[in-house]
């Protein structure tokens, strides 16, 4: 278990900060991870217990739906009626 990876939830906008702290990119899993030789507490903001609202799950009768929130607070969702750039 010397090569165990701790996967992180790093938003694209924060990838450079994670990389500067020593996080590595796993191309096969398409996720950032903390190498086993690094202190995991350095990456605490990107561990699974993060307080940032990345996704929320809502239970329905037969399945669970995943709701994702945009990272950009100025994001405008396109509803199909009128393009948001007009």
PDB file of N, CA and C in Angstrom:
ATOM      1  N   UNK A   1       0.805  -1.199   0.000  1.00  0.00           N
ATOM      2  CA  UNK A   1       0.000   0.000   0.000  1.00  0.00           C
ATOM      3  C   UNK A   1       0.849   1.264   0.000  1.00  0.00           C
ATOM      4  N   UNK A   2       2.104   1.143  -0.292  1.00  0.00           N
ATOM      5  CA  UNK A   2       2.989   2.297  -0.308  1.00  0.00           C
ATOM      6  C   UNK A   2       2.644   3.252  -1.440  1.00  0.00           C
ATOM      7  N   UNK A   3       2.003   2.770  -2.484  1.00  0.00           N
ATOM      8  CA  UNK A   3       1.650   3.610  -3.632  1.00  0.00           C
ATOM      9  C   UNK A   3       0.181   4.020  -3.623  1.00  0.00           C
ATOM     10  N   UNK A   4      -0.444   4.006  -2.448  1.00  0.00           N
ATOM     11  CA  UNK A   4      -1.861   4.346  -2.358  1.00  0.00           C
ATOM     12  C   UNK A   4      -2.082   5.818  -2.711  1.00  0.00           C
ATOM     13  N   UNK A   5      -3.121   6.061  -3.508  1.00  0.00           N
ATOM     14  CA  UNK A   5      -3.464   7.417  -3.933  1.00  0.00           C
ATOM     15  C   UNK A   5      -4.696   7.872  -3.173  1.00  0.00           C
ATOM     16  N   UNK A   6      -4.696   9.118  -2.761  1.00  0.00           N
ATOM     17  CA  UNK A   6      -5.875   9.720  -2.146  1.00  0.00           C
ATOM     18  C   UNK A   6      -6.439  10.687  -3.175  1.00  0.00           C
ATOM     19  N   UNK A   7      -7.580  10.322  -3.764  1.00  0.00           N
ATOM     20  CA  UNK A   7      -8.169  11.150  -4.818  1.00  0.00           C
ATOM     21  C   UNK A   7      -8.801  12.403  -4.229  1.00  0.00           C
ATOM     22  N   UNK A   8      -8.688  13.481  -4.972  1.00  0.00           N
ATOM     23  CA  UNK A   8      -9.159  14.789  -4.535  1.00  0.00           C
ATOM     24  C   UNK A   8     -10.249  15.313  -5.467  1.00  0.00           C
ATOM     25  N   UNK A   9     -11.109  16.154  -4.937  1.00  0.00           N
ATOM     26  CA  UNK A   9     -12.145  16.825  -5.730  1.00  0.00           C
ATOM     27  C   UNK A   9     -11.663  18.246  -6.015  1.00  0.00           C
ATOM     28  N   UNK A  10     -10.842  18.384  -7.045  1.00  0.00           N
ATOM     29  CA  UNK A  10     -10.242  19.672  -7.379  1.00  0.00           C
ATOM     30  C   UNK A  10     -10.983  20.285  -8.565  1.00  0.00           C
ATOM     31  N   UNK A  11     -11.627  21.451  -8.372  1.00  0.00           N
ATOM     32  CA  UNK A  11     -12.251  22.130  -9.505  1.00  0.00           C
ATOM     33  C   UNK A  11     -11.181  22.582 -10.495  1.00  0.00           C
ATOM     34  N   UNK A  12     -11.558  22.695 -11.749  1.00  0.00           N
ATOM     35  CA  UNK A  12     -10.604  23.080 -12.791  1.00  0.00           C
ATOM     36  C   UNK A  12      -9.908  24.398 -12.456  1.00  0.00           C
ATOM     37  N   UNK A  13     -10.645  25.332 -11.901  1.00  0.00           N
ATOM     38  CA  UNK A  13     -10.084  26.648 -11.591  1.00  0.00           C
ATOM     39  C   UNK A  13      -9.007  26.580 -10.509  1.00  0.00           C
ATOM     40  N   UNK A  14      -8.976  25.508  -9.724  1.00  0.00           N
ATOM     41  CA  UNK A  14      -8.024  25.382  -8.625  1.00  0.00           C
ATOM     42  C   UNK A  14      -6.927  24.363  -8.905  1.00  0.00           C
ATOM     43  N   UNK A  15      -6.842  23.876 -10.140  1.00  0.00           N
ATOM     44  CA  UNK A  15      -5.878  22.822 -10.458  1.00  0.00           C
ATOM     45  C   UNK A  15      -4.433  23.275 -10.283  1.00  0.00           C
ATOM     46  N   UNK A  16      -4.138  24.517 -10.609  1.00  0.00           N
ATOM     47  CA  UNK A  16      -2.770  25.013 -10.469  1.00  0.00           C
ATOM     48  C   UNK A  16      -2.356  25.094  -9.001  1.00  0.00           C
ATOM     49  N   UNK A  17      -3.282  25.470  -8.130  1.00  0.00           N
ATOM     50  CA  UNK A  17      -2.985  25.535  -6.697  1.00  0.00           C
ATOM     51  C   UNK A  17      -2.714  24.140  -6.146  1.00  0.00           C
ATOM     52  N   UNK A  18      -3.527  23.168  -6.558  1.00  0.00           N
ATOM     53  CA  UNK A  18      -3.332  21.788  -6.102  1.00  0.00           C
ATOM     54  C   UNK A  18      -2.002  21.240  -6.609  1.00  0.00           C
ATOM     55  N   UNK A  19      -1.683  21.537  -7.854  1.00  0.00           N
ATOM     56  CA  UNK A  19      -0.425  21.071  -8.439  1.00  0.00           C
ATOM     57  C   UNK A  19       0.770  21.681  -7.717  1.00  0.00           C
ATOM     58  N   UNK A  20       0.656  22.954  -7.358  1.00  0.00           N
ATOM     59  CA  UNK A  20       1.745  23.630  -6.648  1.00  0.00           C
ATOM     60  C   UNK A  20       2.000  23.010  -5.275  1.00  0.00           C
ATOM     61  N   UNK A  21       0.956  22.461  -4.673  1.00  0.00           N
ATOM     62  CA  UNK A  21       1.110  21.802  -3.370  1.00  0.00           C
ATOM     63  C   UNK A  21       1.621  20.381  -3.491  1.00  0.00           C
ATOM     64  N   UNK A  22       1.692  19.853  -4.713  1.00  0.00           N
ATOM     65  CA  UNK A  22       2.231  18.513  -4.909  1.00  0.00           C
ATOM     66  C   UNK A  22       1.236  17.486  -5.392  1.00  0.00           C
ATOM     67  N   UNK A  23       0.012  17.894  -5.687  1.00  0.00           N
ATOM     68  CA  UNK A  23      -0.976  16.951  -6.213  1.00  0.00           C
ATOM     69  C   UNK A  23      -0.556  16.493  -7.601  1.00  0.00           C
ATOM     70  N   UNK A  24      -0.941  15.297  -7.947  1.00  0.00           N
ATOM     71  CA  UNK A  24      -0.611  14.724  -9.254  1.00  0.00           C
ATOM     72  C   UNK A  24      -1.902  14.391  -9.993  1.00  0.00           C
ATOM     73  N   UNK A  25      -1.823  14.343 -11.333  1.00  0.00           N
ATOM     74  CA  UNK A  25      -2.966  14.038 -12.193  1.00  0.00           C
ATOM     75  C   UNK A  25      -2.920  12.570 -12.582  1.00  0.00           C
ATOM     76  N   UNK A  26      -4.002  11.849 -12.360  1.00  0.00           N
ATOM     77  CA  UNK A  26      -4.134  10.462 -12.796  1.00  0.00           C
ATOM     78  C   UNK A  26      -4.931  10.489 -14.095  1.00  0.00           C
ATOM     79  N   UNK A  27      -4.244  10.295 -15.221  1.00  0.00           N
ATOM     80  CA  UNK A  27      -4.887  10.405 -16.530  1.00  0.00           C
ATOM     81  C   UNK A  27      -5.920   9.311 -16.751  1.00  0.00           C
ATOM     82  N   UNK A  28      -5.689   8.121 -16.224  1.00  0.00           N
ATOM     83  CA  UNK A  28      -6.634   7.022 -16.406  1.00  0.00           C
ATOM     84  C   UNK A  28      -7.936   7.288 -15.658  1.00  0.00           C
ATOM     85  N   UNK A  29      -7.842   7.785 -14.426  1.00  0.00           N
ATOM     86  CA  UNK A  29      -9.036   8.069 -13.618  1.00  0.00           C
ATOM     87  C   UNK A  29      -9.579   9.467 -13.868  1.00  0.00           C
ATOM     88  N   UNK A  30      -8.767  10.318 -14.535  1.00  0.00           N
ATOM     89  CA  UNK A  30      -9.124  11.707 -14.801  1.00  0.00           C
ATOM     90  C   UNK A  30      -9.452  12.450 -13.507  1.00  0.00           C
ATOM     91  N   UNK A  31      -8.558  12.266 -12.513  1.00  0.00           N
ATOM     92  CA  UNK A  31      -8.721  12.912 -11.215  1.00  0.00           C
ATOM     93  C   UNK A  31      -7.358  13.302 -10.668  1.00  0.00           C
ATOM     94  N   UNK A  32      -7.346  14.319  -9.828  1.00  0.00           N
ATOM     95  CA  UNK A  32      -6.158  14.704  -9.102  1.00  0.00           C
ATOM     96  C   UNK A  32      -6.057  13.819  -7.864  1.00  0.00           C
ATOM     97  N   UNK A  33      -4.840  13.538  -7.434  1.00  0.00           N
ATOM     98  CA  UNK A  33      -4.654  12.741  -6.231  1.00  0.00           C
ATOM     99  C   UNK A  33      -3.461  13.261  -5.439  1.00  0.00           C
ATOM    100  N   UNK A  34      -3.484  12.943  -4.145  1.00  0.00           N
ATOM    101  CA  UNK A  34      -2.363  13.262  -3.263  1.00  0.00           C
ATOM    102  C   UNK A  34      -1.494  12.016  -3.193  1.00  0.00           C
ATOM    103  N   UNK A  35      -0.217  12.128  -3.570  1.00  0.00           N
ATOM    104  CA  UNK A  35       0.668  10.969  -3.493  1.00  0.00           C
ATOM    105  C   UNK A  35       0.831  10.500  -2.044  1.00  0.00           C
ATOM    106  N   UNK A  36       1.161   9.238  -1.864  1.00  0.00           N
ATOM    107  CA  UNK A  36       1.281   8.655  -0.530  1.00  0.00           C
ATOM    108  C   UNK A  36       2.397   9.318   0.275  1.00  0.00           C
ATOM    109  N   UNK A  37       3.406   9.853  -0.391  1.00  0.00           N
ATOM    110  CA  UNK A  37       4.519  10.459   0.336  1.00  0.00           C
ATOM    111  C   UNK A  37       4.241  11.901   0.778  1.00  0.00           C
ATOM    112  N   UNK A  38       3.086  12.460   0.405  1.00  0.00           N
ATOM    113  CA  UNK A  38       2.709  13.817   0.805  1.00  0.00           C
ATOM    114  C   UNK A  38       1.750  13.770   1.993  1.00  0.00           C
ATOM    115  N   UNK A  39       1.765  14.817   2.796  1.00  0.00           N
ATOM    116  CA  UNK A  39       0.841  14.943   3.915  1.00  0.00           C
ATOM    117  C   UNK A  39      -0.547  15.282   3.367  1.00  0.00           C
ATOM    118  N   UNK A  40      -1.519  14.433   3.627  1.00  0.00           N
ATOM    119  CA  UNK A  40      -2.866  14.619   3.078  1.00  0.00           C
ATOM    120  C   UNK A  40      -3.565  15.849   3.650  1.00  0.00           C
ATOM    121  N   UNK A  41      -3.149  16.322   4.832  1.00  0.00           N
ATOM    122  CA  UNK A  41      -3.811  17.479   5.426  1.00  0.00           C
ATOM    123  C   UNK A  41      -3.575  18.756   4.606  1.00  0.00           C
ATOM    124  N   UNK A  42      -2.538  18.768   3.778  1.00  0.00           N
ATOM    125  CA  UNK A  42      -2.276  19.910   2.901  1.00  0.00           C
ATOM    126  C   UNK A  42      -3.402  20.068   1.882  1.00  0.00           C
ATOM    127  N   UNK A  43      -4.027  18.951   1.527  1.00  0.00           N
ATOM    128  CA  UNK A  43      -5.076  18.942   0.510  1.00  0.00           C
ATOM    129  C   UNK A  43      -6.478  18.874   1.119  1.00  0.00           C
ATOM    130  N   UNK A  44      -6.624  19.289   2.374  1.00  0.00           N
ATOM    131  CA  UNK A  44      -7.888  19.135   3.102  1.00  0.00           C
ATOM    132  C   UNK A  44      -9.072  19.776   2.390  1.00  0.00           C
ATOM    133  N   UNK A  45      -8.856  20.907   1.720  1.00  0.00           N
ATOM    134  CA  UNK A  45      -9.986  21.589   1.069  1.00  0.00           C
ATOM    135  C   UNK A  45     -10.542  20.807  -0.109  1.00  0.00           C
ATOM    136  N   UNK A  46      -9.788  19.848  -0.631  1.00  0.00           N
ATOM    137  CA  UNK A  46     -10.237  19.073  -1.785  1.00  0.00           C
ATOM    138  C   UNK A  46     -10.577  17.622  -1.442  1.00  0.00           C
ATOM    139  N   UNK A  47     -10.535  17.265  -0.179  1.00  0.00           N
ATOM    140  CA  UNK A  47     -10.918  15.911   0.214  1.00  0.00           C
ATOM    141  C   UNK A  47     -12.430  15.777   0.151  1.00  0.00           C
ATOM    142  N   UNK A  48     -12.935  14.569   0.186  1.00  0.00           N
ATOM    143  CA  UNK A  48     -14.374  14.314   0.031  1.00  0.00           C
ATOM    144  C   UNK A  48     -15.230  15.030   1.059  1.00  0.00           C
ATOM    145  N   UNK A  49     -14.724  15.307   2.227  1.00  0.00           N
ATOM    146  CA  UNK A  49     -15.493  15.975   3.271  1.00  0.00           C
ATOM    147  C   UNK A  49     -15.566  17.476   3.102  1.00  0.00           C
ATOM    148  N   UNK A  50     -15.262  17.982   1.928  1.00  0.00           N
ATOM    149  CA  UNK A  50     -15.245  19.415   1.683  1.00  0.00           C
ATOM    150  C   UNK A  50     -16.620  20.032   1.910  1.00  0.00           C
ATOM    151  N   UNK A  51     -16.632  21.304   2.347  1.00  0.00           N
ATOM    152  CA  UNK A  51     -17.899  21.997   2.580  1.00  0.00           C
ATOM    153  C   UNK A  51     -18.407  22.691   1.329  1.00  0.00           C
ATOM    154  N   UNK A  52     -17.637  22.718   0.251  1.00  0.00           N
ATOM    155  CA  UNK A  52     -18.073  23.372  -0.980  1.00  0.00           C
ATOM    156  C   UNK A  52     -19.186  22.565  -1.641  1.00  0.00           C
ATOM    157  N   UNK A  53     -20.276  23.218  -2.075  1.00  0.00           N
ATOM    158  CA  UNK A  53     -21.383  22.485  -2.689  1.00  0.00           C
ATOM    159  C   UNK A  53     -21.077  22.093  -4.128  1.00  0.00           C
ATOM    160  N   UNK A  54     -20.412  20.969  -4.314  1.00  0.00           N
ATOM    161  CA  UNK A  54     -20.078  20.506  -5.659  1.00  0.00           C
ATOM    162  C   UNK A  54     -21.269  19.787  -6.260  1.00  0.00           C
ATOM    163  N   UNK A  55     -21.888  18.915  -5.497  1.00  0.00           N
ATOM    164  CA  UNK A  55     -23.045  18.186  -6.001  1.00  0.00           C
ATOM    165  C   UNK A  55     -23.950  17.819  -4.830  1.00  0.00           C
ATOM    166  N   UNK A  56     -25.209  17.738  -5.079  1.00  0.00           N
ATOM    167  CA  UNK A  56     -26.174  17.317  -4.070  1.00  0.00           C
ATOM    168  C   UNK A  56     -27.033  16.221  -4.677  1.00  0.00           C
ATOM    169  N   UNK A  57     -27.422  15.269  -3.840  1.00  0.00           N
ATOM    170  CA  UNK A  57     -28.247  14.171  -4.340  1.00  0.00           C
ATOM    171  C   UNK A  57     -29.664  14.315  -3.780  1.00  0.00           C
ATOM    172  N   UNK A  58     -30.619  14.108  -4.651  1.00  0.00           N
ATOM    173  CA  UNK A  58     -32.014  14.133  -4.241  1.00  0.00           C
ATOM    174  C   UNK A  58     -32.609  12.767  -4.528  1.00  0.00           C
ATOM    175  N   UNK A  59     -33.200  12.169  -3.518  1.00  0.00           N
ATOM    176  CA  UNK A  59     -33.761  10.830  -3.683  1.00  0.00           C
ATOM    177  C   UNK A  59     -35.151  10.920  -4.311  1.00  0.00           C
ATOM    178  N   UNK A  60     -35.403  10.039  -5.239  1.00  0.00           N
ATOM    179  CA  UNK A  60     -36.731   9.913  -5.826  1.00  0.00           C
ATOM    180  C   UNK A  60     -37.234   8.509  -5.523  1.00  0.00           C
ATOM    181  N   UNK A  61     -38.389   8.154  -6.046  1.00  0.00           N
ATOM    182  CA  UNK A  61     -38.987   6.857  -5.732  1.00  0.00           C
ATOM    183  C   UNK A  61     -38.092   5.692  -6.127  1.00  0.00           C
ATOM    184  N   UNK A  62     -37.553   5.687  -7.355  1.00  0.00           N
ATOM    185  CA  UNK A  62     -36.791   4.539  -7.827  1.00  0.00           C
ATOM    186  C   UNK A  62     -35.314   4.809  -8.065  1.00  0.00           C
ATOM    187  N   UNK A  63     -34.920   6.068  -8.158  1.00  0.00           N
ATOM    188  CA  UNK A  63     -33.522   6.370  -8.456  1.00  0.00           C
ATOM    189  C   UNK A  63     -33.123   7.685  -7.810  1.00  0.00           C
ATOM    190  N   UNK A  64     -31.823   7.924  -7.736  1.00  0.00           N
ATOM    191  CA  UNK A  64     -31.309   9.165  -7.173  1.00  0.00           C
ATOM    192  C   UNK A  64     -30.852  10.069  -8.315  1.00  0.00           C
ATOM    193  N   UNK A  65     -31.242  11.315  -8.263  1.00  0.00           N
ATOM    194  CA  UNK A  65     -30.826  12.294  -9.257  1.00  0.00           C
ATOM    195  C   UNK A  65     -29.646  13.085  -8.700  1.00  0.00           C
ATOM    196  N   UNK A  66     -28.724  13.473  -9.550  1.00  0.00           N
ATOM    197  CA  UNK A  66     -27.570  14.258  -9.127  1.00  0.00           C
ATOM    198  C   UNK A  66     -27.746  15.672  -9.629  1.00  0.00           C
ATOM    199  N   UNK A  67     -27.643  16.615  -8.732  1.00  0.00           N
ATOM    200  CA  UNK A  67     -27.767  18.025  -9.066  1.00  0.00           C
ATOM    201  C   UNK A  67     -26.387  18.638  -8.923  1.00  0.00           C
ATOM    202  N   UNK A  68     -25.886  19.246  -9.975  1.00  0.00           N
ATOM    203  CA  UNK A  68     -24.593  19.908  -9.895  1.00  0.00           C
ATOM    204  C   UNK A  68     -24.797  21.410  -9.935  1.00  0.00           C
ATOM    205  N   UNK A  69     -23.961  22.120  -9.221  1.00  0.00           N
ATOM    206  CA  UNK A  69     -24.042  23.558  -9.155  1.00  0.00           C
ATOM    207  C   UNK A  69     -22.865  24.161  -9.907  1.00  0.00           C
ATOM    208  N   UNK A  70     -23.090  25.237 -10.662  1.00  0.00           N
ATOM    209  CA  UNK A  70     -21.977  25.857 -11.381  1.00  0.00           C
ATOM    210  C   UNK A  70     -21.004  26.514 -10.402  1.00  0.00           C
ATOM    211  N   UNK A  71     -19.732  26.501 -10.756  1.00  0.00           N
ATOM    212  CA  UNK A  71     -18.711  27.115  -9.918  1.00  0.00           C
ATOM    213  C   UNK A  71     -18.744  28.629 -10.077  1.00  0.00           C
ATOM    214  N   UNK A  72     -19.063  29.103 -11.260  1.00  0.00           N
ATOM    215  CA  UNK A  72     -19.111  30.533 -11.542  1.00  0.00           C
ATOM    216  C   UNK A  72     -20.429  31.105 -11.048  1.00  0.00           C
ATOM    217  N   UNK A  73     -20.378  32.091 -10.132  1.00  0.00           N
ATOM    218  CA  UNK A  73     -21.619  32.659  -9.597  1.00  0.00           C
ATOM    219  C   UNK A  73     -22.359  33.526 -10.613  1.00  0.00           C
ATOM    220  N   UNK A  74     -21.732  33.885 -11.722  1.00  0.00           N
ATOM    221  CA  UNK A  74     -22.378  34.661 -12.775  1.00  0.00           C
ATOM    222  C   UNK A  74     -22.933  33.781 -13.889  1.00  0.00           C
ATOM    223  N   UNK A  75     -22.937  32.481 -13.691  1.00  0.00           N
ATOM    224  CA  UNK A  75     -23.406  31.523 -14.683  1.00  0.00           C
ATOM    225  C   UNK A  75     -24.900  31.701 -14.935  1.00  0.00           C
ATOM    226  N   UNK A  76     -25.301  31.717 -16.202  1.00  0.00           N
ATOM    227  CA  UNK A  76     -26.707  31.799 -16.583  1.00  0.00           C
ATOM    228  C   UNK A  76     -27.038  30.542 -17.380  1.00  0.00           C
ATOM    229  N   UNK A  77     -27.980  29.764 -16.877  1.00  0.00           N
ATOM    230  CA  UNK A  77     -28.362  28.527 -17.557  1.00  0.00           C
ATOM    231  C   UNK A  77     -29.202  28.854 -18.790  1.00  0.00           C
ATOM    232  N   UNK A  78     -28.984  28.130 -19.854  1.00  0.00           N
ATOM    233  CA  UNK A  78     -29.749  28.310 -21.085  1.00  0.00           C
ATOM    234  C   UNK A  78     -31.004  27.466 -21.002  1.00  0.00           C
ATOM    235  N   UNK A  79     -32.163  28.113 -21.061  1.00  0.00           N
ATOM    236  CA  UNK A  79     -33.420  27.387 -20.927  1.00  0.00           C
ATOM    237  C   UNK A  79     -34.043  27.027 -22.270  1.00  0.00           C
ATOM    238  N   UNK A  80     -33.433  27.404 -23.383  1.00  0.00           N
ATOM    239  CA  UNK A  80     -33.923  27.030 -24.691  1.00  0.00           C
ATOM    240  C   UNK A  80     -34.811  28.067 -25.346  1.00  0.00           C
ATOM    241  N   UNK A  81     -35.282  29.058 -24.605  1.00  0.00           N
ATOM    242  CA  UNK A  81     -36.165  30.074 -25.164  1.00  0.00           C
ATOM    243  C   UNK A  81     -35.384  31.163 -25.907  1.00  0.00           C
ATOM    244  N   UNK A  82     -34.444  31.752 -25.241  1.00  0.00           N
ATOM    245  CA  UNK A  82     -33.699  32.881 -25.813  1.00  0.00           C
ATOM    246  C   UNK A  82     -32.232  32.735 -25.415  1.00  0.00           C
ATOM    247  N   UNK A  83     -31.311  32.876 -26.334  1.00  0.00           N
ATOM    248  CA  UNK A  83     -29.895  32.767 -25.967  1.00  0.00           C
ATOM    249  C   UNK A  83     -29.518  33.806 -24.930  1.00  0.00           C
ATOM    250  N   UNK A  84     -28.719  33.447 -23.919  1.00  0.00           N
ATOM    251  CA  UNK A  84     -28.371  34.380 -22.847  1.00  0.00           C
ATOM    252  C   UNK A  84     -27.446  35.498 -23.276  1.00  0.00           C
ATOM    253  N   UNK A  85     -26.842  35.412 -24.473  1.00  0.00           N
ATOM    254  CA  UNK A  85     -25.917  36.443 -24.898  1.00  0.00           C
ATOM    255  C   UNK A  85     -26.616  37.609 -25.598  1.00  0.00           C
ATOM    256  N   UNK A  86     -27.924  37.564 -25.724  1.00  0.00           N
ATOM    257  CA  UNK A  86     -28.663  38.664 -26.357  1.00  0.00           C
ATOM    258  C   UNK A  86     -29.056  39.696 -25.347  1.00  0.00           C
TER     259      UNK A  86
END
